Amino acid sequence: MYLKKLTEKRLITIDYYSNGALATFRGRISGLNLIEQILSLRDEKQNSLTLHLSEIISIH
């Protein structure tokens, strides 16, 4: 059920750890690889971010 919500094309905010510090990214999901457990995101300015699912703290 949670993975289905991640595939919707709406803006989400993700809090995650980056180099030991808490960071935030707001954008849309561009890809989800369950085998490698990687989430790809893209914001309004077309900046991209790739995260391991274990780095994610919360999704809003």
C-alpha atoms as a PDB file:
ATOM      1  CA  MET A   1       0.000   0.000   0.000  1.00  0.00           C
ATOM      2  CA  TYR A   2       2.808   2.466   0.815  1.00  0.00           C
ATOM      3  CA  LEU A   3       4.665   1.672  -2.403  1.00  0.00           C
ATOM      4  CA  LYS A   4       1.542   2.422  -4.424  1.00  0.00           C
ATOM      5  CA  LYS A   5       1.387   5.884  -2.835  1.00  0.00           C
ATOM      6  CA  LEU A   6       5.020   6.497  -3.816  1.00  0.00           C
ATOM      7  CA  THR A   7       4.260   5.970  -7.510  1.00  0.00           C
ATOM      8  CA  GLU A   8       1.656   8.762  -7.659  1.00  0.00           C
ATOM      9  CA  LYS A   9       2.789  11.877  -9.538  1.00  0.00           C
ATOM     10  CA  ARG A  10       2.339  14.392  -6.730  1.00  0.00           C
ATOM     11  CA  LEU A  11       4.790  16.502  -4.752  1.00  0.00           C
ATOM     12  CA  ILE A  12       6.197  14.874  -1.639  1.00  0.00           C
ATOM     13  CA  THR A  13       8.709  15.949   0.984  1.00  0.00           C
ATOM     14  CA  ILE A  14      11.355  13.477   2.105  1.00  0.00           C
ATOM     15  CA  ASP A  15      13.545  13.855   5.185  1.00  0.00           C
ATOM     16  CA  TYR A  16      16.747  11.831   4.934  1.00  0.00           C
ATOM     17  CA  TYR A  17      20.284  11.563   6.291  1.00  0.00           C
ATOM     18  CA  SER A  18      23.060  12.938   4.097  1.00  0.00           C
ATOM     19  CA  ASN A  19      26.624  12.594   5.418  1.00  0.00           C
ATOM     20  CA  GLY A  20      25.346  12.325   8.973  1.00  0.00           C
ATOM     21  CA  ALA A  21      23.141  15.438   8.754  1.00  0.00           C
ATOM     22  CA  LEU A  22      19.389  15.629   8.333  1.00  0.00           C
ATOM     23  CA  ALA A  23      18.322  17.022   4.923  1.00  0.00           C
ATOM     24  CA  THR A  24      14.994  17.634   3.170  1.00  0.00           C
ATOM     25  CA  PHE A  25      14.029  17.275  -0.494  1.00  0.00           C
ATOM     26  CA  ARG A  26      10.706  18.244  -2.081  1.00  0.00           C
ATOM     27  CA  GLY A  27       9.825  16.804  -5.473  1.00  0.00           C
ATOM     28  CA  ARG A  28       8.198  13.992  -7.434  1.00  0.00           C
ATOM     29  CA  ILE A  29       9.146  10.325  -7.658  1.00  0.00           C
ATOM     30  CA  SER A  30      10.863   9.572 -10.960  1.00  0.00           C
ATOM     31  CA  GLY A  31      11.790   5.947 -10.253  1.00  0.00           C
ATOM     32  CA  LEU A  32      11.623   3.181  -7.686  1.00  0.00           C
ATOM     33  CA  ASN A  33      13.958   0.184  -7.831  1.00  0.00           C
ATOM     34  CA  LEU A  34      12.869  -2.403  -5.283  1.00  0.00           C
ATOM     35  CA  ILE A  35      15.657  -4.856  -6.067  1.00  0.00           C
ATOM     36  CA  GLU A  36      18.413  -2.336  -5.254  1.00  0.00           C
ATOM     37  CA  GLN A  37      16.122  -0.423  -2.821  1.00  0.00           C
ATOM     38  CA  ILE A  38      16.746   2.931  -4.506  1.00  0.00           C
ATOM     39  CA  LEU A  39      14.329   5.850  -4.849  1.00  0.00           C
ATOM     40  CA  SER A  40      14.881   8.502  -7.546  1.00  0.00           C
ATOM     41  CA  LEU A  41      13.366  11.974  -7.171  1.00  0.00           C
ATOM     42  CA  ARG A  42      13.166  15.111  -9.316  1.00  0.00           C
ATOM     43  CA  ASP A  43      12.155  18.614  -8.193  1.00  0.00           C
ATOM     44  CA  GLU A  44      10.536  21.512 -10.098  1.00  0.00           C
ATOM     45  CA  LYS A  45      13.926  22.776 -11.317  1.00  0.00           C
ATOM     46  CA  GLN A  46      14.731  19.310 -12.712  1.00  0.00           C
ATOM     47  CA  ASN A  47      17.380  18.633 -10.033  1.00  0.00           C
ATOM     48  CA  SER A  48      17.585  14.932  -9.304  1.00  0.00           C
ATOM     49  CA  LEU A  49      18.340  12.948  -6.170  1.00  0.00           C
ATOM     50  CA  THR A  50      18.840   9.218  -5.671  1.00  0.00           C
ATOM     51  CA  LEU A  51      18.414   7.735  -2.193  1.00  0.00           C
ATOM     52  CA  HIS A  52      18.658   4.317  -0.633  1.00  0.00           C
ATOM     53  CA  LEU A  53      15.432   3.501   1.186  1.00  0.00           C
ATOM     54  CA  SER A  54      17.370   2.982   4.424  1.00  0.00           C
ATOM     55  CA  GLU A  55      18.462   6.671   4.399  1.00  0.00           C
ATOM     56  CA  ILE A  56      14.870   7.953   4.477  1.00  0.00           C
ATOM     57  CA  ILE A  57      13.562   9.178   7.828  1.00  0.00           C
ATOM     58  CA  SER A  58      10.045  10.297   6.838  1.00  0.00           C
ATOM     59  CA  ILE A  59       7.859  11.010   3.816  1.00  0.00           C
ATOM     60  CA  HIS A  60       5.204  13.724   3.845  1.00  0.00           C
END
